[in-house]
Protein backbone atom coordinates (compact mmCIF):
# COMPACT_ATOMS: atom_id res chain seq x y z
CA SER A 1 -22.81 -62.89 -16.75
CA GLY A 2 -22.39 -59.14 -17.28
CA SER A 3 -25.73 -58.69 -19.03
CA ARG A 4 -28.61 -57.04 -17.23
CA ALA A 5 -30.97 -59.34 -15.47
CA ALA A 6 -34.57 -59.08 -16.61
CA SER A 7 -36.94 -57.62 -14.03
CA SER A 8 -40.71 -58.01 -13.96
CA ALA A 9 -41.09 -54.48 -12.69
CA ALA A 10 -39.50 -51.19 -13.73
CA PRO A 11 -37.16 -49.62 -11.17
CA PRO A 12 -39.31 -47.60 -8.80
CA THR A 13 -39.01 -43.84 -8.46
CA PRO A 14 -38.64 -42.49 -4.90
CA ASP A 15 -42.37 -41.70 -4.90
CA ALA A 16 -43.06 -45.42 -4.94
CA LEU A 17 -41.67 -45.61 -1.42
CA SER A 18 -44.56 -43.69 0.04
CA ASN A 19 -47.22 -45.28 -2.19
CA ASN A 20 -46.28 -48.97 -2.25
CA ALA A 21 -43.81 -49.67 0.53
CA PRO A 22 -45.00 -52.38 2.96
CA HIS A 23 -44.33 -50.01 5.92
CA GLY A 24 -45.18 -46.60 4.48
CA SER A 25 -42.79 -43.85 3.42
CA HIS A 26 -39.99 -44.86 5.81
CA PHE A 27 -37.94 -47.89 5.00
CA ARG A 28 -38.19 -50.89 7.38
CA PRO A 29 -37.09 -54.43 6.67
CA PRO A 30 -39.78 -56.22 4.61
CA THR A 31 -42.61 -58.02 6.31
CA LYS A 32 -42.13 -61.37 7.95
CA THR A 33 -43.16 -63.19 4.80
CA HIS A 34 -40.58 -61.31 2.68
CA ARG A 35 -37.93 -60.76 5.38
CA ILE A 36 -34.48 -59.52 4.44
CA ASN A 37 -32.19 -61.70 6.57
CA SER A 38 -31.86 -60.28 10.10
CA HIS A 39 -28.13 -61.01 10.33
CA ASP A 40 -27.30 -57.64 8.80
CA ASN A 41 -27.98 -55.85 12.11
CA TYR A 42 -30.95 -53.80 11.02
CA PRO A 43 -32.05 -51.33 13.70
CA ASP A 44 -35.14 -52.04 15.68
CA ALA A 45 -38.32 -51.70 13.69
CA ALA A 46 -39.35 -48.78 15.91
CA GLY A 47 -36.42 -46.70 14.73
CA LYS A 48 -36.89 -43.82 12.32
CA ARG A 49 -35.94 -43.96 8.66
CA HIS A 50 -35.19 -41.52 5.97
CA THR A 51 -37.84 -40.03 3.73
CA LYS A 52 -37.36 -38.99 0.12
CA ALA A 53 -37.79 -35.32 1.12
CA GLY A 54 -35.37 -35.80 4.00
CA ILE A 55 -32.63 -37.30 1.83
CA LYS A 56 -33.03 -34.55 -0.73
CA ALA A 57 -32.83 -31.85 1.91
CA ILE A 58 -29.71 -33.42 3.50
CA ARG A 59 -28.10 -33.68 0.05
CA ASP A 60 -28.86 -29.99 -0.63
CA HIS A 61 -26.83 -29.04 2.47
CA ALA A 62 -23.93 -31.47 1.77
CA PRO A 63 -20.50 -30.81 0.18
CA GLN A 64 -19.95 -32.48 -3.13
CA TRP A 65 -18.05 -35.45 -1.77
CA LEU A 66 -20.91 -36.23 0.61
CA LYS A 67 -23.45 -35.89 -2.21
CA ASN A 68 -21.37 -38.50 -4.04
CA ALA A 69 -21.48 -40.83 -1.00
CA ILE A 70 -25.23 -40.44 -0.70
CA ASP A 71 -25.79 -41.09 -4.40
CA LEU A 72 -23.60 -44.21 -4.35
CA GLY A 73 -25.40 -45.44 -1.27
CA LEU A 74 -28.74 -45.02 -2.92
CA LEU A 75 -27.64 -46.68 -6.14
CA ILE A 76 -25.52 -49.69 -5.04
CA SER A 77 -26.91 -50.31 -1.52
CA GLN A 78 -23.60 -51.02 0.18
CA ARG A 79 -22.51 -50.27 3.73
CA PRO A 80 -20.83 -46.90 4.36
CA CYS A 81 -17.52 -48.54 5.18
CA ASP A 82 -17.55 -50.31 1.80
CA LEU A 83 -18.57 -47.20 -0.10
CA LEU A 84 -15.56 -45.41 1.33
CA ASN A 85 -13.26 -48.15 0.00
CA LEU A 86 -14.48 -47.97 -3.60
CA ARG A 87 -11.56 -47.18 -5.97
CA PHE A 88 -11.53 -46.13 -9.57
CA ASN A 89 -9.19 -49.00 -10.37
CA ASP A 90 -11.79 -51.48 -9.10
CA ILE A 91 -13.50 -50.88 -12.45
CA GLU A 92 -12.67 -53.45 -15.13
CA ASP A 93 -14.39 -54.62 -18.30
CA GLY A 94 -17.55 -52.69 -17.63
CA HIS A 95 -17.94 -53.73 -14.02
CA MET A 96 -16.89 -52.62 -10.52
CA TYR A 97 -15.68 -55.40 -8.25
CA ILE A 98 -16.57 -54.93 -4.57
CA GLN A 99 -15.33 -57.01 -1.69
CA ALA A 100 -17.14 -56.16 1.52
CA GLN A 101 -15.15 -55.59 4.71
CA LYS A 102 -17.44 -57.38 7.14
CA ASP A 103 -17.93 -60.69 5.41
CA THR A 104 -17.12 -62.68 2.23
CA HIS A 105 -19.74 -60.80 0.32
CA SER A 106 -18.43 -59.94 -3.17
CA LEU A 107 -20.29 -58.20 -5.95
CA LYS A 108 -19.63 -57.72 -9.68
CA VAL A 109 -21.52 -54.52 -10.29
CA GLU A 110 -22.39 -53.61 -13.85
CA ILE A 111 -21.48 -50.09 -14.90
CA THR A 112 -24.99 -49.06 -15.99
CA PRO A 113 -25.66 -45.56 -17.32
CA GLU A 114 -27.00 -44.70 -13.87
CA PHE A 115 -23.84 -45.95 -12.18
CA GLN A 116 -21.56 -44.31 -14.75
CA LYS A 117 -23.21 -40.95 -14.11
CA VAL A 118 -22.37 -41.15 -10.40
CA ILE A 119 -18.82 -42.40 -11.09
CA ASP A 120 -18.28 -39.43 -13.45
CA GLN A 121 -19.67 -37.13 -10.76
CA CYS A 122 -16.99 -38.44 -8.38
CA ARG A 123 -14.16 -37.36 -10.70
CA ASP A 124 -12.76 -33.93 -9.98
CA ASP A 125 -9.42 -32.14 -9.75
CA VAL A 126 -8.42 -33.87 -6.49
CA ASP A 127 -5.87 -36.61 -7.18
CA SER A 128 -7.37 -39.59 -5.35
CA PRO A 129 -7.73 -43.34 -5.99
CA PHE A 130 -11.10 -43.32 -4.10
CA LEU A 131 -14.48 -42.47 -5.55
CA ILE A 132 -15.43 -40.72 -2.25
CA HIS A 133 -12.68 -38.34 -1.34
CA ARG A 134 -11.76 -34.79 -0.39
CA GLN A 135 -8.70 -32.65 -0.15
CA PRO A 136 -7.67 -32.55 3.56
CA ASP A 137 -7.53 -29.05 5.14
CA ARG A 138 -4.53 -29.81 7.37
CA LYS A 139 -1.75 -32.34 7.46
CA ARG A 140 -3.04 -33.89 10.66
CA ASP A 141 -6.30 -34.59 8.92
CA HIS A 142 -4.59 -37.38 7.00
CA ASP A 143 -2.10 -38.73 9.51
CA ASN A 144 -2.38 -42.52 9.86
CA LYS A 145 -4.67 -42.78 6.87
CA GLU A 146 -4.22 -44.98 3.85
CA HIS A 147 -4.28 -41.95 1.54
CA PRO A 148 -4.48 -38.21 2.36
CA THR A 149 -7.76 -37.87 0.46
CA LYS A 150 -9.46 -40.95 2.03
CA ILE A 151 -12.63 -40.21 4.03
CA THR A 152 -12.85 -41.99 7.42
CA ARG A 153 -16.03 -43.56 8.67
CA GLU A 154 -16.01 -41.05 11.55
CA CYS A 155 -15.75 -38.14 9.16
CA LEU A 156 -18.57 -39.45 6.96
CA SER A 157 -20.87 -39.86 9.97
CA ARG A 158 -20.00 -36.47 11.38
CA GLU A 159 -20.41 -34.55 8.10
CA PHE A 160 -23.65 -36.39 7.30
CA ARG A 161 -24.94 -35.40 10.74
CA LYS A 162 -24.00 -31.77 10.15
CA ALA A 163 -25.81 -31.70 6.81
CA ARG A 164 -28.85 -33.37 8.30
CA ASP A 165 -28.95 -30.91 11.22
CA ALA A 166 -28.58 -27.99 8.88
CA ALA A 167 -31.39 -29.27 6.70
CA LYS A 168 -33.80 -29.52 9.72
CA CYS A 169 -35.63 -32.16 7.80
CA TYR A 170 -36.84 -34.31 10.71
CA PRO A 171 -38.21 -31.84 13.31
CA SER A 172 -40.34 -34.40 15.06
CA TYR A 173 -37.50 -36.94 15.58
CA SER A 174 -35.61 -37.16 18.81
CA ALA A 175 -31.82 -37.16 18.80
CA LYS A 176 -31.78 -40.91 19.17
CA GLU A 177 -34.31 -41.37 16.34
CA MET A 178 -32.34 -39.39 13.76
CA PRO A 179 -31.36 -41.60 10.77
CA GLY A 180 -27.76 -41.48 9.65
CA MET A 181 -25.76 -42.40 6.60
CA HIS A 182 -26.29 -46.12 7.19
CA GLU A 183 -30.01 -45.72 6.82
CA ILE A 184 -29.49 -44.53 3.22
CA ARG A 185 -28.78 -48.18 2.49
CA PHE A 186 -32.21 -49.21 3.79
CA THR A 187 -33.96 -46.78 1.39
CA SER A 188 -31.98 -48.23 -1.48
CA LEU A 189 -32.68 -51.82 -0.53
CA GLU A 190 -36.39 -51.09 -0.25
CA MET A 191 -36.40 -49.60 -3.75
CA TYR A 192 -34.70 -52.69 -5.14
CA TYR A 193 -37.10 -54.87 -3.21
CA LEU A 194 -40.10 -53.03 -4.74
CA ALA A 195 -38.48 -53.52 -8.15
CA GLY A 196 -38.43 -57.32 -7.67
CA LYS A 197 -34.64 -57.61 -7.28
CA ASP A 198 -32.86 -60.15 -5.13
CA VAL A 199 -32.20 -57.87 -2.15
CA GLN A 200 -30.53 -60.56 -0.11
CA LYS A 201 -27.86 -60.89 -2.81
CA ILE A 202 -27.42 -57.14 -3.13
CA ALA A 203 -27.09 -56.61 0.59
CA GLY A 204 -24.78 -59.53 1.27
CA TYR A 205 -24.87 -61.54 4.44
CA SER A 206 -22.12 -63.29 6.41
CA ARG A 207 -24.13 -66.38 7.20
CA SER A 208 -22.31 -69.32 5.65
CA ASP A 209 -25.43 -70.83 4.00
CA ILE A 210 -26.24 -67.48 2.34
CA THR A 211 -22.60 -67.08 1.23
CA ARG A 212 -22.59 -70.56 -0.32
CA ARG A 213 -25.81 -69.79 -2.10
CA TYR A 214 -24.30 -66.95 -4.07
CA LEU A 215 -20.62 -67.88 -4.24
CA LYS A 216 -19.86 -71.30 -5.68
CA ASN A 217 -16.75 -71.57 -3.50
CA PRO A 218 -16.39 -68.92 -0.76
CA LYS A 219 -12.69 -69.80 -0.35
CA VAL A 220 -11.84 -68.52 -3.84
CA ALA A 221 -12.68 -65.25 -5.56
CA GLY A 222 -16.31 -65.30 -6.59
CA TYR A 223 -18.65 -62.42 -7.38
CA ALA A 224 -22.43 -62.18 -7.47
CA ASP A 225 -23.69 -60.13 -10.40
CA PHE A 226 -25.63 -56.95 -9.61
CA THR A 227 -27.18 -54.46 -11.99
CA PRO A 228 -27.67 -51.06 -10.32
CA ASP A 229 -30.44 -49.42 -12.28
CA LEU A 230 -32.53 -47.37 -9.88
CA ASP A 231 -33.77 -43.98 -10.87
CA ILE A 232 -32.42 -41.70 -8.16
CA SER A 233 -32.92 -38.50 -10.09
CA GLU A 234 -35.69 -37.26 -7.85
CA PHE A 235 -33.28 -37.27 -4.90
CA ILE A 236 -30.78 -35.07 -6.67
CA GLU A 237 -32.62 -32.79 -9.11
CA ASP A 238 -32.18 -29.08 -8.55
CA SER A 239 -29.58 -29.64 -5.86
CA PRO A 240 -26.97 -26.86 -5.60
CA THR A 241 -23.53 -27.98 -6.64
CA ASP A 242 -20.40 -27.39 -4.56
CA SER A 243 -17.41 -27.97 -6.85
CA SER A 244 -14.76 -27.50 -4.10
CA GLY A 245 -14.94 -31.12 -2.97
CA LYS A 246 -14.48 -29.99 0.63
């Protein structure tokens, strides 16, 4: 159904990550007892993760379209490649319908006030069907792309890296330890985990038994309900705004 699922715990604020997370202020997959399925290719547990302060600093150095990508990643916990495919016309009857690229994972995401705020934030004077978009600087920037304004995975990774390096938020991390855009998803999943949500359903896994658990028939269109209701305000408050979209 489209109604919000009841939760035994209020959505955690980012501060809860440092106070209550099973592995401290950096997100790691939950403990063995509460393991998020390993088939999603989580990096090794020794790898570094984002901190709340780090994400906020990166966001402060990001253009508006990258801020939008970060906020969507925090709120709806999807892979970067799936965030880049989100379209405004995927919204219907108060929900956004998401079909993941890598598997049969499908979500029917309720347009909560939190989600609506980020969707509205994605709307600007650039004519684009995609939530995450920018006006290309040169014609060759959009050759061989589905749409001139579409952001490629390579561009997202590169621009995230530039913002992270400009922020200088992880001075003790080596180059190999630096968390990227994909690790934003881990922070989001941990916050939902702490809120008592079904993280395995939100994340989506390609294993057939997991797919069958959430989709009555994986051969036909079926969507698992998801209510994105995290409070991400502490990641974004007082961030400077770049209205150019570049």
